[in-house]
Amino acid sequence: MSVESELKNLILNKYKSLREFAIKIDMPYSTMDTILKRGVDKANINNIIKICKELNIDTESLGEGRIEHKQHERHVNTIAAHKNEIDVDWTEEELEDIENFKKYVLSKRKNRE
């Protein structure tokens, strides 16, 4: 079974329809449908993060073609960000998005190797 089929089944087990899920994550239904038809690996990272966050699944594993639920433990990572030598205060949500993006990019790299 493809990761897209697994993802669809997971969504339908938690929501009445794909449309209901798409509304919940503030994504057009057509975008959700396209992701499931064309493949997760071709989707916009922001859309992948929305899906993973709502379903509590790991973005890296999804990028590698499998679905794994996130662990409840959270480890601390240091993120250095410099822009014109101005410090940036990241919110918890932004830090989570950055971490998810890092995992997703690394998973795409692994798929190319």
N, C-alpha and C. Protein backbone atom coordinates (compact mmCIF):
# COMPACT_ATOMS: atom_id res chain seq x y z
N MET A 1 0.85 -1.17 0.00
CA MET A 1 0.00 0.00 0.00
C MET A 1 0.90 1.24 0.00
N SER A 2 0.58 2.20 -0.82
CA SER A 2 1.39 3.42 -0.92
C SER A 2 1.19 4.29 0.32
N VAL A 3 2.15 5.16 0.56
CA VAL A 3 2.05 6.07 1.70
C VAL A 3 0.83 6.99 1.54
N GLU A 4 0.50 7.34 0.30
CA GLU A 4 -0.68 8.18 0.07
C GLU A 4 -1.96 7.44 0.45
N SER A 5 -2.03 6.15 0.13
CA SER A 5 -3.20 5.35 0.52
C SER A 5 -3.29 5.21 2.04
N GLU A 6 -2.14 5.00 2.68
CA GLU A 6 -2.12 4.91 4.14
C GLU A 6 -2.56 6.23 4.77
N LEU A 7 -2.07 7.33 4.19
CA LEU A 7 -2.43 8.66 4.69
C LEU A 7 -3.93 8.89 4.55
N LYS A 8 -4.47 8.55 3.40
CA LYS A 8 -5.90 8.70 3.17
C LYS A 8 -6.71 7.88 4.18
N ASN A 9 -6.30 6.64 4.41
CA ASN A 9 -7.00 5.79 5.38
C ASN A 9 -6.92 6.37 6.79
N LEU A 10 -5.76 6.90 7.15
CA LEU A 10 -5.59 7.51 8.46
C LEU A 10 -6.54 8.71 8.62
N ILE A 11 -6.60 9.53 7.59
CA ILE A 11 -7.49 10.70 7.62
C ILE A 11 -8.95 10.25 7.76
N LEU A 12 -9.34 9.28 6.96
CA LEU A 12 -10.74 8.84 6.97
C LEU A 12 -11.11 8.10 8.25
N ASN A 13 -10.12 7.57 8.96
CA ASN A 13 -10.39 6.95 10.26
C ASN A 13 -10.66 8.00 11.34
N LYS A 14 -10.13 9.21 11.14
CA LYS A 14 -10.28 10.26 12.15
C LYS A 14 -11.33 11.31 11.77
N TYR A 15 -11.63 11.43 10.48
CA TYR A 15 -12.55 12.46 9.99
C TYR A 15 -13.59 11.81 9.10
N LYS A 16 -14.73 12.47 8.97
CA LYS A 16 -15.82 11.94 8.15
C LYS A 16 -15.46 11.89 6.68
N SER A 17 -14.62 12.84 6.26
CA SER A 17 -14.26 12.91 4.84
C SER A 17 -12.94 13.65 4.68
N LEU A 18 -12.37 13.54 3.49
CA LEU A 18 -11.16 14.31 3.17
C LEU A 18 -11.47 15.80 3.19
N ARG A 19 -12.65 16.14 2.75
CA ARG A 19 -13.06 17.55 2.73
C ARG A 19 -13.09 18.13 4.15
N GLU A 20 -13.64 17.37 5.09
CA GLU A 20 -13.68 17.82 6.48
C GLU A 20 -12.25 18.04 7.02
N PHE A 21 -11.36 17.10 6.70
CA PHE A 21 -9.97 17.23 7.13
C PHE A 21 -9.32 18.45 6.51
N ALA A 22 -9.53 18.65 5.22
CA ALA A 22 -8.95 19.80 4.51
C ALA A 22 -9.43 21.11 5.14
N ILE A 23 -10.69 21.18 5.47
CA ILE A 23 -11.23 22.39 6.13
C ILE A 23 -10.56 22.58 7.49
N LYS A 24 -10.42 21.50 8.24
CA LYS A 24 -9.81 21.57 9.57
C LYS A 24 -8.39 22.15 9.52
N ILE A 25 -7.62 21.78 8.49
CA ILE A 25 -6.24 22.27 8.41
C ILE A 25 -6.10 23.49 7.51
N ASP A 26 -7.24 24.06 7.12
CA ASP A 26 -7.24 25.27 6.30
C ASP A 26 -6.49 25.08 4.99
N MET A 27 -6.86 24.02 4.29
CA MET A 27 -6.26 23.69 3.00
C MET A 27 -7.39 23.45 2.00
N PRO A 28 -7.28 23.97 0.79
CA PRO A 28 -8.31 23.67 -0.20
C PRO A 28 -8.42 22.15 -0.43
N TYR A 29 -9.64 21.67 -0.57
CA TYR A 29 -9.86 20.25 -0.82
C TYR A 29 -9.09 19.79 -2.05
N SER A 30 -9.07 20.62 -3.08
CA SER A 30 -8.39 20.24 -4.32
C SER A 30 -6.89 20.01 -4.09
N THR A 31 -6.30 20.78 -3.19
CA THR A 31 -4.89 20.60 -2.85
C THR A 31 -4.69 19.27 -2.14
N MET A 32 -5.56 18.97 -1.20
CA MET A 32 -5.47 17.70 -0.47
C MET A 32 -5.62 16.53 -1.43
N ASP A 33 -6.58 16.63 -2.32
CA ASP A 33 -6.82 15.58 -3.31
C ASP A 33 -5.60 15.40 -4.21
N THR A 34 -5.00 16.49 -4.63
CA THR A 34 -3.81 16.44 -5.50
C THR A 34 -2.64 15.77 -4.78
N ILE A 35 -2.44 16.09 -3.52
CA ILE A 35 -1.36 15.47 -2.75
C ILE A 35 -1.53 13.96 -2.71
N LEU A 36 -2.76 13.51 -2.49
CA LEU A 36 -3.01 12.08 -2.40
C LEU A 36 -2.91 11.39 -3.76
N LYS A 37 -3.20 12.10 -4.84
CA LYS A 37 -3.13 11.51 -6.18
C LYS A 37 -1.74 11.57 -6.79
N ARG A 38 -1.04 12.69 -6.63
CA ARG A 38 0.26 12.87 -7.27
C ARG A 38 1.44 12.46 -6.40
N GLY A 39 1.22 12.41 -5.11
CA GLY A 39 2.28 11.96 -4.22
C GLY A 39 2.71 13.00 -3.20
N VAL A 40 2.97 12.51 -2.01
CA VAL A 40 3.42 13.35 -0.91
C VAL A 40 4.74 14.03 -1.24
N ASP A 41 5.62 13.32 -1.94
CA ASP A 41 6.95 13.86 -2.25
C ASP A 41 6.91 15.05 -3.21
N LYS A 42 5.79 15.28 -3.84
CA LYS A 42 5.67 16.42 -4.77
C LYS A 42 4.93 17.60 -4.13
N ALA A 43 4.54 17.45 -2.88
CA ALA A 43 3.73 18.46 -2.21
C ALA A 43 4.58 19.59 -1.63
N ASN A 44 3.95 20.73 -1.45
CA ASN A 44 4.56 21.88 -0.81
C ASN A 44 4.83 21.55 0.66
N ILE A 45 6.01 21.95 1.15
CA ILE A 45 6.39 21.63 2.53
C ILE A 45 5.40 22.18 3.55
N ASN A 46 4.87 23.35 3.31
CA ASN A 46 3.90 23.93 4.25
C ASN A 46 2.65 23.06 4.36
N ASN A 47 2.23 22.49 3.25
CA ASN A 47 1.07 21.60 3.27
C ASN A 47 1.38 20.31 4.01
N ILE A 48 2.57 19.78 3.81
CA ILE A 48 2.99 18.56 4.50
C ILE A 48 3.02 18.80 6.01
N ILE A 49 3.55 19.94 6.41
CA ILE A 49 3.62 20.28 7.84
C ILE A 49 2.22 20.37 8.43
N LYS A 50 1.28 20.99 7.72
CA LYS A 50 -0.10 21.09 8.21
C LYS A 50 -0.71 19.70 8.41
N ILE A 51 -0.51 18.84 7.43
CA ILE A 51 -1.07 17.49 7.51
C ILE A 51 -0.46 16.73 8.68
N CYS A 52 0.86 16.77 8.77
CA CYS A 52 1.55 16.03 9.83
C CYS A 52 1.19 16.55 11.22
N LYS A 53 1.11 17.85 11.34
CA LYS A 53 0.79 18.44 12.64
C LYS A 53 -0.60 17.99 13.10
N GLU A 54 -1.57 18.04 12.22
CA GLU A 54 -2.94 17.68 12.59
C GLU A 54 -3.07 16.19 12.91
N LEU A 55 -2.35 15.36 12.17
CA LEU A 55 -2.44 13.91 12.37
C LEU A 55 -1.43 13.39 13.39
N ASN A 56 -0.58 14.29 13.88
CA ASN A 56 0.47 13.93 14.84
C ASN A 56 1.39 12.85 14.28
N ILE A 57 1.81 13.05 13.03
CA ILE A 57 2.75 12.12 12.41
C ILE A 57 4.05 12.85 12.10
N ASP A 58 5.11 12.07 11.99
CA ASP A 58 6.45 12.60 11.78
C ASP A 58 6.66 12.96 10.31
N THR A 59 7.12 14.19 10.06
CA THR A 59 7.32 14.64 8.68
C THR A 59 8.44 13.88 7.99
N GLU A 60 9.49 13.57 8.73
CA GLU A 60 10.63 12.86 8.13
C GLU A 60 10.20 11.48 7.64
N SER A 61 9.48 10.75 8.47
CA SER A 61 9.05 9.42 8.06
C SER A 61 8.08 9.50 6.88
N LEU A 62 7.22 10.51 6.86
CA LEU A 62 6.30 10.66 5.73
C LEU A 62 7.09 10.91 4.45
N GLY A 63 8.12 11.74 4.53
CA GLY A 63 8.97 11.99 3.37
C GLY A 63 9.71 10.75 2.89
N GLU A 64 9.94 9.81 3.81
CA GLU A 64 10.62 8.56 3.47
C GLU A 64 9.64 7.48 3.02
N GLY A 65 8.36 7.82 2.98
CA GLY A 65 7.38 6.87 2.47
C GLY A 65 6.72 5.98 3.50
N ARG A 66 6.78 6.39 4.76
CA ARG A 66 6.09 5.62 5.79
C ARG A 66 5.45 6.58 6.79
N ILE A 67 4.50 6.07 7.54
CA ILE A 67 3.79 6.90 8.51
C ILE A 67 4.16 6.43 9.91
N GLU A 68 4.71 7.36 10.68
CA GLU A 68 5.04 7.10 12.08
C GLU A 68 4.46 8.22 12.92
N HIS A 69 3.83 7.85 14.01
CA HIS A 69 3.30 8.86 14.91
C HIS A 69 4.45 9.48 15.70
N LYS A 70 4.32 10.77 15.97
CA LYS A 70 5.36 11.48 16.72
C LYS A 70 5.44 10.93 18.13
N GLN A 71 6.65 10.95 18.65
CA GLN A 71 6.85 10.58 20.05
C GLN A 71 6.46 11.77 20.90
N HIS A 72 5.96 11.49 22.07
CA HIS A 72 5.51 12.57 22.94
C HIS A 72 6.67 13.29 23.62
N GLU A 73 7.82 12.62 23.72
CA GLU A 73 8.98 13.29 24.29
C GLU A 73 9.50 14.31 23.30
N ARG A 74 9.98 15.39 23.83
CA ARG A 74 10.51 16.44 22.97
C ARG A 74 11.93 16.73 23.41
N HIS A 75 12.87 16.68 22.47
CA HIS A 75 14.25 16.98 22.81
C HIS A 75 14.56 18.42 22.41
N VAL A 76 15.56 18.97 23.05
CA VAL A 76 15.90 20.37 22.82
C VAL A 76 16.97 20.45 21.74
N ASN A 77 16.74 21.30 20.77
CA ASN A 77 17.72 21.57 19.72
C ASN A 77 18.06 23.05 19.75
N THR A 78 19.28 23.35 19.39
CA THR A 78 19.68 24.74 19.28
C THR A 78 19.61 25.13 17.83
N ILE A 79 18.94 26.22 17.56
CA ILE A 79 18.83 26.73 16.20
C ILE A 79 19.44 28.12 16.18
N ALA A 80 20.43 28.29 15.33
CA ALA A 80 21.05 29.60 15.18
C ALA A 80 20.48 30.25 13.94
N ALA A 81 20.00 31.45 14.09
CA ALA A 81 19.47 32.19 12.95
C ALA A 81 20.02 33.60 13.02
N HIS A 82 20.63 34.02 11.94
CA HIS A 82 21.22 35.36 11.91
C HIS A 82 20.69 36.11 10.70
N LYS A 83 20.23 37.30 10.96
CA LYS A 83 19.79 38.16 9.86
C LYS A 83 20.17 39.57 10.27
N ASN A 84 21.15 40.08 9.63
CA ASN A 84 21.64 41.42 9.95
C ASN A 84 21.96 41.57 11.44
N GLU A 85 22.48 40.49 12.02
CA GLU A 85 22.91 40.47 13.42
C GLU A 85 21.80 40.86 14.40
N ILE A 86 20.55 40.61 14.05
CA ILE A 86 19.42 40.88 14.94
C ILE A 86 18.94 39.55 15.51
N ASP A 87 18.78 39.47 16.82
CA ASP A 87 18.27 38.25 17.44
C ASP A 87 16.80 38.08 17.11
N VAL A 88 16.41 36.83 16.92
CA VAL A 88 15.02 36.51 16.61
C VAL A 88 14.48 35.65 17.74
N ASP A 89 13.34 36.01 18.27
CA ASP A 89 12.67 35.19 19.27
C ASP A 89 11.67 34.30 18.55
N TRP A 90 11.96 32.99 18.52
CA TRP A 90 11.10 32.03 17.84
C TRP A 90 10.02 31.55 18.79
N THR A 91 8.80 31.40 18.29
CA THR A 91 7.74 30.80 19.09
C THR A 91 7.91 29.29 19.06
N GLU A 92 7.25 28.60 19.98
CA GLU A 92 7.31 27.14 20.00
C GLU A 92 6.80 26.57 18.67
N GLU A 93 5.74 27.15 18.15
CA GLU A 93 5.17 26.68 16.89
C GLU A 93 6.16 26.87 15.74
N GLU A 94 6.84 28.02 15.71
CA GLU A 94 7.83 28.27 14.67
C GLU A 94 9.00 27.30 14.78
N LEU A 95 9.45 27.03 16.01
CA LEU A 95 10.54 26.07 16.20
C LEU A 95 10.13 24.68 15.73
N GLU A 96 8.89 24.30 16.00
CA GLU A 96 8.40 23.01 15.54
C GLU A 96 8.35 22.96 14.02
N ASP A 97 7.89 24.05 13.39
CA ASP A 97 7.86 24.11 11.93
C ASP A 97 9.26 24.00 11.35
N ILE A 98 10.23 24.68 11.97
CA ILE A 98 11.61 24.62 11.49
C ILE A 98 12.15 23.20 11.62
N GLU A 99 11.90 22.56 12.75
CA GLU A 99 12.35 21.19 12.96
C GLU A 99 11.71 20.25 11.94
N ASN A 100 10.42 20.40 11.71
CA ASN A 100 9.72 19.57 10.72
C ASN A 100 10.28 19.79 9.33
N PHE A 101 10.58 21.03 9.01
CA PHE A 101 11.14 21.34 7.69
C PHE A 101 12.51 20.69 7.53
N LYS A 102 13.34 20.77 8.56
CA LYS A 102 14.66 20.14 8.51
C LYS A 102 14.53 18.64 8.24
N LYS A 103 13.63 17.99 8.97
CA LYS A 103 13.42 16.55 8.80
C LYS A 103 12.94 16.23 7.39
N TYR A 104 12.02 17.04 6.89
CA TYR A 104 11.48 16.81 5.56
C TYR A 104 12.56 16.95 4.49
N VAL A 105 13.37 17.99 4.58
CA VAL A 105 14.44 18.20 3.60
C VAL A 105 15.43 17.05 3.65
N LEU A 106 15.79 16.60 4.85
CA LEU A 106 16.72 15.48 4.97
C LEU A 106 16.12 14.20 4.41
N SER A 107 14.83 13.99 4.60
CA SER A 107 14.20 12.79 4.06
C SER A 107 14.19 12.79 2.54
N LYS A 108 14.00 13.97 1.94
CA LYS A 108 14.04 14.06 0.48
C LYS A 108 15.45 13.77 -0.02
N ARG A 109 16.47 14.20 0.72
CA ARG A 109 17.86 13.93 0.35
C ARG A 109 18.10 12.42 0.36
N LYS A 110 17.61 11.73 1.40
CA LYS A 110 17.79 10.28 1.52
C LYS A 110 17.11 9.56 0.36
N ASN A 111 15.96 10.07 -0.09
CA ASN A 111 15.24 9.44 -1.20
C ASN A 111 16.00 9.55 -2.51
N ARG A 112 16.80 10.59 -2.66
CA ARG A 112 17.56 10.80 -3.90
C ARG A 112 18.81 9.93 -3.96
N GLU A 113 19.29 9.49 -2.79
CA GLU A 113 20.54 8.71 -2.74
C GLU A 113 20.35 7.30 -3.20
